[in-house]
C-alpha atoms as a PDB file:
ATOM      1  CA  MET A   1     126.576 109.726 113.640  1.00  0.00           C
ATOM      2  CA  SER A   2     126.149 107.550 110.457  1.00  0.00           C
ATOM      3  CA  ASP A   3     124.361 108.849 107.707  1.00  0.00           C
ATOM      4  CA  LYS A   4     122.905 105.241 107.298  1.00  0.00           C
ATOM      5  CA  VAL A   5     120.908 102.676 109.179  1.00  0.00           C
ATOM      6  CA  ASN A   6     121.737  99.124 108.359  1.00  0.00           C
ATOM      7  CA  ILE A   7     118.246  97.047 108.407  1.00  0.00           C
ATOM      8  CA  LEU A   8     118.958  93.697 108.291  1.00  0.00           C
ATOM      9  CA  GLY A   9     122.502  94.199 106.453  1.00  0.00           C
ATOM     10  CA  ILE A  10     121.568  96.743 103.822  1.00  0.00           C
ATOM     11  CA  ASN A  11     122.680 100.589 104.521  1.00  0.00           C
ATOM     12  CA  VAL A  12     119.650 102.952 103.640  1.00  0.00           C
ATOM     13  CA  ASP A  13     120.388 106.229 103.258  1.00  0.00           C
ATOM     14  CA  MET A  14     118.566 108.448 106.210  1.00  0.00           C
ATOM     15  CA  ALA A  15     117.518 110.920 103.386  1.00  0.00           C
ATOM     16  CA  GLY A  16     114.102 112.350 102.829  1.00  0.00           C
ATOM     17  CA  ILE A  17     113.121 113.475  99.569  1.00  0.00           C
ATOM     18  CA  GLU A  18     114.776 116.336  99.739  1.00  0.00           C
ATOM     19  CA  GLU A  19     117.616 115.491 100.474  1.00  0.00           C
ATOM     20  CA  ALA A  20     118.017 112.652  98.213  1.00  0.00           C
ATOM     21  CA  ALA A  21     117.016 115.472  95.623  1.00  0.00           C
ATOM     22  CA  ASP A  22     119.642 117.348  96.285  1.00  0.00           C
ATOM     23  CA  ARG A  23     122.445 114.422  96.101  1.00  0.00           C
ATOM     24  CA  ILE A  24     121.631 113.265  92.966  1.00  0.00           C
ATOM     25  CA  MET A  25     122.101 116.882  91.377  1.00  0.00           C
ATOM     26  CA  GLU A  26     125.059 116.747  93.088  1.00  0.00           C
ATOM     27  CA  PHE A  27     126.023 113.369  91.115  1.00  0.00           C
ATOM     28  CA  PHE A  28     125.614 115.583  87.975  1.00  0.00           C
ATOM     29  CA  ASP A  29     129.004 117.024  88.747  1.00  0.00           C
ATOM     30  CA  GLU A  30     131.111 113.723  89.032  1.00  0.00           C
ATOM     31  CA  ASP A  31     132.279 112.341  85.922  1.00  0.00           C
ATOM     32  CA  ARG A  32     131.323 108.823  86.635  1.00  0.00           C
ATOM     33  CA  LEU A  33     127.441 107.068  86.837  1.00  0.00           C
ATOM     34  CA  HIS A  34     126.039 106.888  90.468  1.00  0.00           C
ATOM     35  CA  LYS A  35     123.339 103.743  91.108  1.00  0.00           C
ATOM     36  CA  VAL A  36     120.251 105.149  92.880  1.00  0.00           C
ATOM     37  CA  TYR A  37     117.473 102.587  94.085  1.00  0.00           C
ATOM     38  CA  THR A  38     114.849 102.832  96.583  1.00  0.00           C
ATOM     39  CA  PRO A  39     114.210  99.365  98.329  1.00  0.00           C
ATOM     40  CA  ASN A  40     110.589  98.450 100.433  1.00  0.00           C
ATOM     41  CA  SER A  41     110.887  96.086 103.051  1.00  0.00           C
ATOM     42  CA  GLU A  42     109.629  93.488 100.505  1.00  0.00           C
ATOM     43  CA  ILE A  43     113.084  94.117  98.744  1.00  0.00           C
ATOM     44  CA  ILE A  44     115.162  94.584 102.365  1.00  0.00           C
ATOM     45  CA  MET A  45     113.633  91.173 102.946  1.00  0.00           C
ATOM     46  CA  SER A  46     114.522  89.497  99.761  1.00  0.00           C
ATOM     47  CA  ALA A  47     118.387  90.982  99.974  1.00  0.00           C
ATOM     48  CA  TYR A  48     118.366  89.367 104.092  1.00  0.00           C
ATOM     49  CA  LYS A  49     117.979  86.124 102.433  1.00  0.00           C
ATOM     50  CA  ASN A  50     120.377  86.583  98.971  1.00  0.00           C
ATOM     51  CA  GLU A  51     124.090  87.657  99.734  1.00  0.00           C
ATOM     52  CA  GLU A  52     124.838  88.427  96.449  1.00  0.00           C
ATOM     53  CA  PHE A  53     121.436  91.093  96.025  1.00  0.00           C
ATOM     54  CA  ARG A  54     122.516  92.227  99.367  1.00  0.00           C
ATOM     55  CA  ASN A  55     125.587  93.060  98.173  1.00  0.00           C
ATOM     56  CA  LEU A  56     124.293  94.281  94.901  1.00  0.00           C
ATOM     57  CA  LEU A  57     122.639  97.140  96.779  1.00  0.00           C
ATOM     58  CA  ASN A  58     125.053  98.499  99.335  1.00  0.00           C
ATOM     59  CA  ASP A  59     127.080  99.384  95.857  1.00  0.00           C
ATOM     60  CA  ALA A  60     124.101 101.632  95.198  1.00  0.00           C
ATOM     61  CA  ASP A  61     125.416 105.401  95.935  1.00  0.00           C
ATOM     62  CA  LEU A  62     122.244 106.397  97.262  1.00  0.00           C
ATOM     63  CA  LEU A  63     119.487 103.910  98.836  1.00  0.00           C
ATOM     64  CA  THR A  64     116.122 105.314 100.043  1.00  0.00           C
ATOM     65  CA  ALA A  65     113.500 103.987 102.315  1.00  0.00           C
ATOM     66  CA  ASP A  66     110.847 103.331  99.682  1.00  0.00           C
ATOM     67  CA  GLY A  67     108.001 101.791 102.101  1.00  0.00           C
ATOM     68  CA  ILE A  68     106.646 102.892 105.494  1.00  0.00           C
ATOM     69  CA  GLY A  69     107.692  99.692 106.625  1.00  0.00           C
ATOM     70  CA  VAL A  70     111.305 100.812 106.445  1.00  0.00           C
ATOM     71  CA  VAL A  71     110.447 104.191 107.896  1.00  0.00           C
ATOM     72  CA  TYR A  72     109.382 101.962 111.151  1.00  0.00           C
ATOM     73  CA  ALA A  73     112.037  99.873 110.777  1.00  0.00           C
ATOM     74  CA  SER A  74     114.642 102.567 111.457  1.00  0.00           C
ATOM     75  CA  LYS A  75     112.912 103.770 114.216  1.00  0.00           C
ATOM     76  CA  ILE A  76     112.904 100.312 115.989  1.00  0.00           C
ATOM     77  CA  LEU A  77     116.756 100.373 115.159  1.00  0.00           C
ATOM     78  CA  GLY A  78     117.115 103.361 117.265  1.00  0.00           C
ATOM     79  CA  LYS A  79     117.954 105.777 114.096  1.00  0.00           C
ATOM     80  CA  PRO A  80     114.426 106.984 112.442  1.00  0.00           C
ATOM     81  CA  ILE A  81     114.505 108.065 109.243  1.00  0.00           C
ATOM     82  CA  SER A  82     112.653 111.076 108.627  1.00  0.00           C
ATOM     83  CA  GLU A  83     110.268 110.285 106.193  1.00  0.00           C
ATOM     84  CA  ARG A  84     109.320 107.908 103.296  1.00  0.00           C
ATOM     85  CA  ALA A  85     111.352 108.713 100.069  1.00  0.00           C
ATOM     86  CA  ALA A  86     109.465 106.810  97.427  1.00  0.00           C
ATOM     87  CA  GLY A  87     111.392 106.859  94.146  1.00  0.00           C
ATOM     88  CA  PHE A  88     108.204 108.430  92.706  1.00  0.00           C
ATOM     89  CA  ASP A  89     108.546 111.403  94.701  1.00  0.00           C
ATOM     90  CA  ILE A  90     112.174 111.851  94.294  1.00  0.00           C
ATOM     91  CA  ALA A  91     112.081 111.649  90.238  1.00  0.00           C
ATOM     92  CA  CYS A  92     109.179 113.887  90.603  1.00  0.00           C
ATOM     93  CA  ASP A  93     111.372 116.137  92.399  1.00  0.00           C
ATOM     94  CA  VAL A  94     114.497 115.386  90.326  1.00  0.00           C
ATOM     95  CA  LEU A  95     112.321 116.514  87.426  1.00  0.00           C
ATOM     96  CA  GLY A  96     111.647 119.521  88.502  1.00  0.00           C
ATOM     97  CA  ARG A  97     114.763 121.053  88.696  1.00  0.00           C
ATOM     98  CA  ILE A  98     116.332 119.181  85.510  1.00  0.00           C
ATOM     99  CA  THR A  99     113.470 121.389  83.605  1.00  0.00           C
ATOM    100  CA  ARG A 100     115.115 124.252  81.208  1.00  0.00           C
ATOM    101  CA  THR A 101     118.231 122.662  81.956  1.00  0.00           C
ATOM    102  CA  PRO A 102     121.049 121.076  79.368  1.00  0.00           C
ATOM    103  CA  HIS A 103     120.045 117.972  81.794  1.00  0.00           C
ATOM    104  CA  SER A 104     118.117 115.437  79.707  1.00  0.00           C
ATOM    105  CA  LEU A 105     116.275 111.761  80.109  1.00  0.00           C
ATOM    106  CA  PHE A 106     116.149 108.483  79.060  1.00  0.00           C
ATOM    107  CA  LEU A 107     113.145 106.156  79.896  1.00  0.00           C
ATOM    108  CA  PHE A 108     113.300 102.257  80.055  1.00  0.00           C
ATOM    109  CA  GLY A 109     110.982  99.975  80.995  1.00  0.00           C
ATOM    110  CA  GLY A 110     107.084  99.043  80.756  1.00  0.00           C
ATOM    111  CA  LYS A 111     104.893  97.155  78.107  1.00  0.00           C
ATOM    112  CA  PRO A 112     105.172  98.421  74.742  1.00  0.00           C
ATOM    113  CA  GLY A 113     104.022 101.932  74.517  1.00  0.00           C
ATOM    114  CA  VAL A 114     103.771 102.863  77.793  1.00  0.00           C
ATOM    115  CA  ALA A 115     107.517 104.713  77.906  1.00  0.00           C
ATOM    116  CA  GLU A 116     106.275 106.600  74.436  1.00  0.00           C
ATOM    117  CA  THR A 117     102.836 107.724  76.372  1.00  0.00           C
ATOM    118  CA  ALA A 118     105.101 108.480  80.073  1.00  0.00           C
ATOM    119  CA  LYS A 119     107.643 110.799  77.541  1.00  0.00           C
ATOM    120  CA  LYS A 120     104.460 112.958  76.346  1.00  0.00           C
ATOM    121  CA  LYS A 121     102.649 113.170  79.504  1.00  0.00           C
ATOM    122  CA  LEU A 122     106.098 114.441  81.160  1.00  0.00           C
ATOM    123  CA  GLU A 123     106.551 116.909  78.542  1.00  0.00           C
ATOM    124  CA  GLU A 124     103.207 118.041  79.150  1.00  0.00           C
ATOM    125  CA  LYS A 125     103.598 118.548  83.153  1.00  0.00           C
ATOM    126  CA  TYR A 126     107.186 119.768  82.975  1.00  0.00           C
ATOM    127  CA  ILE A 127     107.548 122.525  80.326  1.00  0.00           C
ATOM    128  CA  GLY A 128     110.975 122.331  78.704  1.00  0.00           C
ATOM    129  CA  ILE A 129     112.434 118.850  79.700  1.00  0.00           C
ATOM    130  CA  HIS A 130     114.673 116.847  77.818  1.00  0.00           C
ATOM    131  CA  ILE A 131     113.593 113.573  77.296  1.00  0.00           C
ATOM    132  CA  VAL A 132     115.938 112.015  74.270  1.00  0.00           C
ATOM    133  CA  GLY A 133     114.581 108.687  74.485  1.00  0.00           C
ATOM    134  CA  THR A 134     112.540 105.517  74.899  1.00  0.00           C
ATOM    135  CA  HIS A 135     112.752 101.787  75.163  1.00  0.00           C
ATOM    136  CA  ASN A 136     110.010  99.723  76.647  1.00  0.00           C
ATOM    137  CA  GLY A 137     110.753  96.765  79.286  1.00  0.00           C
ATOM    138  CA  TYR A 138     110.880  93.579  77.028  1.00  0.00           C
ATOM    139  CA  PHE A 139     113.820  92.149  76.213  1.00  0.00           C
ATOM    140  CA  LYS A 140     116.722  89.331  76.107  1.00  0.00           C
ATOM    141  CA  PRO A 141     119.956  89.330  77.496  1.00  0.00           C
ATOM    142  CA  GLU A 142     121.702  89.657  73.810  1.00  0.00           C
ATOM    143  CA  ASP A 143     119.565  92.956  73.503  1.00  0.00           C
ATOM    144  CA  GLU A 144     121.276  94.622  76.571  1.00  0.00           C
ATOM    145  CA  GLN A 145     124.121  95.857  74.409  1.00  0.00           C
ATOM    146  CA  GLY A 146     121.849  97.373  71.756  1.00  0.00           C
ATOM    147  CA  ILE A 147     119.920  98.749  74.503  1.00  0.00           C
ATOM    148  CA  ALA A 148     123.128 100.530  76.340  1.00  0.00           C
ATOM    149  CA  ASP A 149     124.031 101.726  73.062  1.00  0.00           C
ATOM    150  CA  GLU A 150     121.062 103.286  71.995  1.00  0.00           C
ATOM    151  CA  ILE A 151     121.282 105.171  75.383  1.00  0.00           C
ATOM    152  CA  ASN A 152     124.864 106.379  74.935  1.00  0.00           C
ATOM    153  CA  ARG A 153     123.869 107.562  71.487  1.00  0.00           C
ATOM    154  CA  SER A 154     120.572 109.734  73.091  1.00  0.00           C
ATOM    155  CA  GLY A 155     123.504 111.536  75.042  1.00  0.00           C
ATOM    156  CA  ALA A 156     121.302 111.400  78.492  1.00  0.00           C
ATOM    157  CA  ASP A 157     122.658 111.871  81.880  1.00  0.00           C
ATOM    158  CA  LEU A 158     119.965 110.859  83.707  1.00  0.00           C
ATOM    159  CA  LEU A 159     118.479 106.911  83.163  1.00  0.00           C
ATOM    160  CA  PHE A 160     115.137 106.168  84.961  1.00  0.00           C
ATOM    161  CA  VAL A 161     115.179 102.150  85.096  1.00  0.00           C
ATOM    162  CA  CYS A 162     111.713 100.810  85.540  1.00  0.00           C
ATOM    163  CA  LEU A 163     112.019  97.180  85.839  1.00  0.00           C
ATOM    164  CA  GLY A 164     110.736  96.540  89.210  1.00  0.00           C
ATOM    165  CA  ALA A 165     113.329  94.571  91.491  1.00  0.00           C
ATOM    166  CA  PRO A 166     115.590  93.058  91.321  1.00  0.00           C
ATOM    167  CA  LYS A 167     115.539  93.199  87.523  1.00  0.00           C
ATOM    168  CA  GLN A 168     116.308  96.795  87.412  1.00  0.00           C
ATOM    169  CA  GLU A 169     118.838  96.862  90.323  1.00  0.00           C
ATOM    170  CA  GLU A 170     120.643  93.620  88.401  1.00  0.00           C
ATOM    171  CA  TRP A 171     120.562  95.831  85.064  1.00  0.00           C
ATOM    172  CA  ILE A 172     121.728  98.719  86.121  1.00  0.00           C
ATOM    173  CA  ALA A 173     124.591  97.098  87.812  1.00  0.00           C
ATOM    174  CA  ARG A 174     125.346  94.676  84.941  1.00  0.00           C
ATOM    175  CA  ASN A 175     125.423  97.822  82.819  1.00  0.00           C
ATOM    176  CA  ALA A 176     126.865 100.510  84.328  1.00  0.00           C
ATOM    177  CA  ASP A 177     130.352 100.354  82.826  1.00  0.00           C
ATOM    178  CA  LYS A 178     128.781 100.474  79.588  1.00  0.00           C
ATOM    179  CA  LEU A 179     126.511 103.761  79.575  1.00  0.00           C
ATOM    180  CA  ARG A 180     129.172 106.567  79.105  1.00  0.00           C
ATOM    181  CA  HIS A 181     126.809 109.705  79.448  1.00  0.00           C
ATOM    182  CA  VAL A 182     125.019 108.531  82.095  1.00  0.00           C
ATOM    183  CA  ARG A 183     125.846 110.269  85.658  1.00  0.00           C
ATOM    184  CA  VAL A 184     122.681 108.741  88.143  1.00  0.00           C
ATOM    185  CA  ALA A 185     120.964 105.948  86.738  1.00  0.00           C
ATOM    186  CA  MET A 186     117.614 105.158  88.828  1.00  0.00           C
ATOM    187  CA  GLY A 187     116.021 102.329  89.651  1.00  0.00           C
ATOM    188  CA  ILE A 188     112.046 102.987  89.933  1.00  0.00           C
ATOM    189  CA  GLY A 189     109.786 100.044  90.077  1.00  0.00           C
ATOM    190  CA  GLY A 190     106.346 101.160  88.652  1.00  0.00           C
ATOM    191  CA  SER A 191     106.709 104.786  88.414  1.00  0.00           C
ATOM    192  CA  LEU A 192     106.556 104.725  84.473  1.00  0.00           C
ATOM    193  CA  ASP A 193     103.160 103.431  84.680  1.00  0.00           C
ATOM    194  CA  VAL A 194     101.996 105.925  86.263  1.00  0.00           C
ATOM    195  CA  PHE A 195     104.079 108.949  84.297  1.00  0.00           C
ATOM    196  CA  ALA A 196     102.184 107.322  81.382  1.00  0.00           C
ATOM    197  CA  GLY A 197      98.327 107.189  83.703  1.00  0.00           C
ATOM    198  CA  THR A 198      98.023 103.282  82.995  1.00  0.00           C
ATOM    199  CA  ALA A 199      98.575 103.098  87.056  1.00  0.00           C
ATOM    200  CA  GLU A 200      96.908 105.154  89.745  1.00  0.00           C
ATOM    201  CA  ARG A 201      99.244 106.091  92.633  1.00  0.00           C
ATOM    202  CA  ALA A 202      97.301 106.012  95.977  1.00  0.00           C
ATOM    203  CA  PRO A 203      95.846 109.019  96.981  1.00  0.00           C
ATOM    204  CA  GLU A 204      97.699 111.702  98.989  1.00  0.00           C
ATOM    205  CA  PHE A 205      95.902 110.934 102.017  1.00  0.00           C
ATOM    206  CA  TYR A 206      97.319 107.512 102.154  1.00  0.00           C
ATOM    207  CA  CYS A 207     100.698 108.092 101.141  1.00  0.00           C
ATOM    208  CA  LYS A 208     101.049 110.699 104.121  1.00  0.00           C
ATOM    209  CA  HIS A 209      99.669 108.537 106.499  1.00  0.00           C
ATOM    210  CA  GLY A 210     101.791 105.296 105.595  1.00  0.00           C
ATOM    211  CA  LEU A 211      98.630 103.489 104.477  1.00  0.00           C
ATOM    212  CA  GLU A 212      99.454 102.898 100.720  1.00  0.00           C
ATOM    213  CA  TRP A 213      99.857  99.053 101.092  1.00  0.00           C
ATOM    214  CA  PHE A 214      96.091  99.378 102.700  1.00  0.00           C
ATOM    215  CA  TYR A 215      94.926 101.178  99.576  1.00  0.00           C
ATOM    216  CA  ARG A 216      96.733  98.720  97.556  1.00  0.00           C
ATOM    217  CA  LEU A 217      95.242  95.932  99.350  1.00  0.00           C
ATOM    218  CA  LYS A 218      91.572  97.576  99.021  1.00  0.00           C
ATOM    219  CA  LYS A 219      91.776  98.218  94.921  1.00  0.00           C
ATOM    220  CA  GLU A 220      93.685  94.490  94.890  1.00  0.00           C
ATOM    221  CA  PRO A 221      92.786  91.911  96.678  1.00  0.00           C
ATOM    222  CA  TRP A 222      95.027  89.278  95.243  1.00  0.00           C
ATOM    223  CA  ARG A 223      98.047  91.565  97.174  1.00  0.00           C
ATOM    224  CA  ALA A 224      97.258  90.041  99.888  1.00  0.00           C
ATOM    225  CA  LYS A 225      99.719  87.227 100.225  1.00  0.00           C
ATOM    226  CA  ARG A 226     102.205  89.850  99.261  1.00  0.00           C
ATOM    227  CA  MET A 227     101.239  92.050 101.999  1.00  0.00           C
ATOM    228  CA  ALA A 228     101.446  89.206 104.486  1.00  0.00           C
ATOM    229  CA  ALA A 229     105.417  89.572 104.292  1.00  0.00           C
ATOM    230  CA  LEU A 230     105.320  92.769 105.944  1.00  0.00           C
ATOM    231  CA  PRO A 231     104.603  90.975 109.515  1.00  0.00           C
ATOM    232  CA  LYS A 232     107.078  89.039 109.141  1.00  0.00           C
ATOM    233  CA  PHE A 233     109.717  92.075 107.628  1.00  0.00           C
ATOM    234  CA  ALA A 234     109.068  93.733 111.155  1.00  0.00           C
ATOM    235  CA  MET A 235     109.331  90.876 113.697  1.00  0.00           C
ATOM    236  CA  THR A 236     112.726  89.528 111.892  1.00  0.00           C
ATOM    237  CA  VAL A 237     113.756  93.601 112.481  1.00  0.00           C
ATOM    238  CA  MET A 238     112.370  93.196 115.829  1.00  0.00           C
ATOM    239  CA  LEU A 239     114.300  89.603 116.449  1.00  0.00           C
ATOM    240  CA  LYS A 240     117.157  90.040 114.047  1.00  0.00           C
ATOM    241  CA  GLY A 241     117.953  93.773 113.401  1.00  0.00           C
ATOM    242  CA  ARG A 242     120.067  95.172 116.759  1.00  0.00           C
ATOM    243  CA  SER A 243     122.290  92.251 115.619  1.00  0.00           C
ATOM    244  CA  PHE A 244     123.623  94.573 112.765  1.00  0.00           C
ATOM    245  CA  ARG A 245     126.038  97.209 113.316  1.00  0.00           C
ATOM    246  CA  GLN A 246     124.996 100.667 112.809  1.00  0.00           C
ATOM    247  CA  ASP A 247     128.534 102.680 113.495  1.00  0.00           C
ATOM    248  CA  GLN A 248     129.020 102.025 109.069  1.00  0.00           C
END
């Protein structure tokens, strides 16, 4: 039986938080860069409509379900994912494991100053962690080589890319061959702002019960238009989802 579930053409790993972190730790032992993406239902819907983005996601070494909608979709398709494996939660698990080890981290993304603040707060929380560099998420195409060079000079073997989808996944795919020391590059969206304290994550109750979307809607009513995409995703999975093979 495949350890993936094909959701509208996206081969999502049936891995929970702990299993995903286990696999990332194994990636460090391999002499190449591994791409880790954590799509939610909105991202999968976008990839469903865009073949190039779909292929980019499917090229990942690990693709986890960041969103309760993705978990529900897997149940509809008869290959249930055990739990939501959000990028933030996986990142926190990995951070705890690499504390007081030789592994080192580079933070890339956010507004100017956010990555530096996140670095400080993470170093206070994870005593002994090695965060060897930061760079904000504001850059021009001609700056990309310089950013890759900066990451290389840092010697980091773990890279958090927090640019939002699809920009972060595209950046990782485009620059993977330039990064000499990085063994794991993770696209984890707004996690950097949460690490820095400039954004608040939903309380545990909402996350545990799959209601994080409702909490966000209460706090930010302007999200209503984006939230309307969730029922469309569910309907598309019910109508089209079974046309994708589940034995890949």
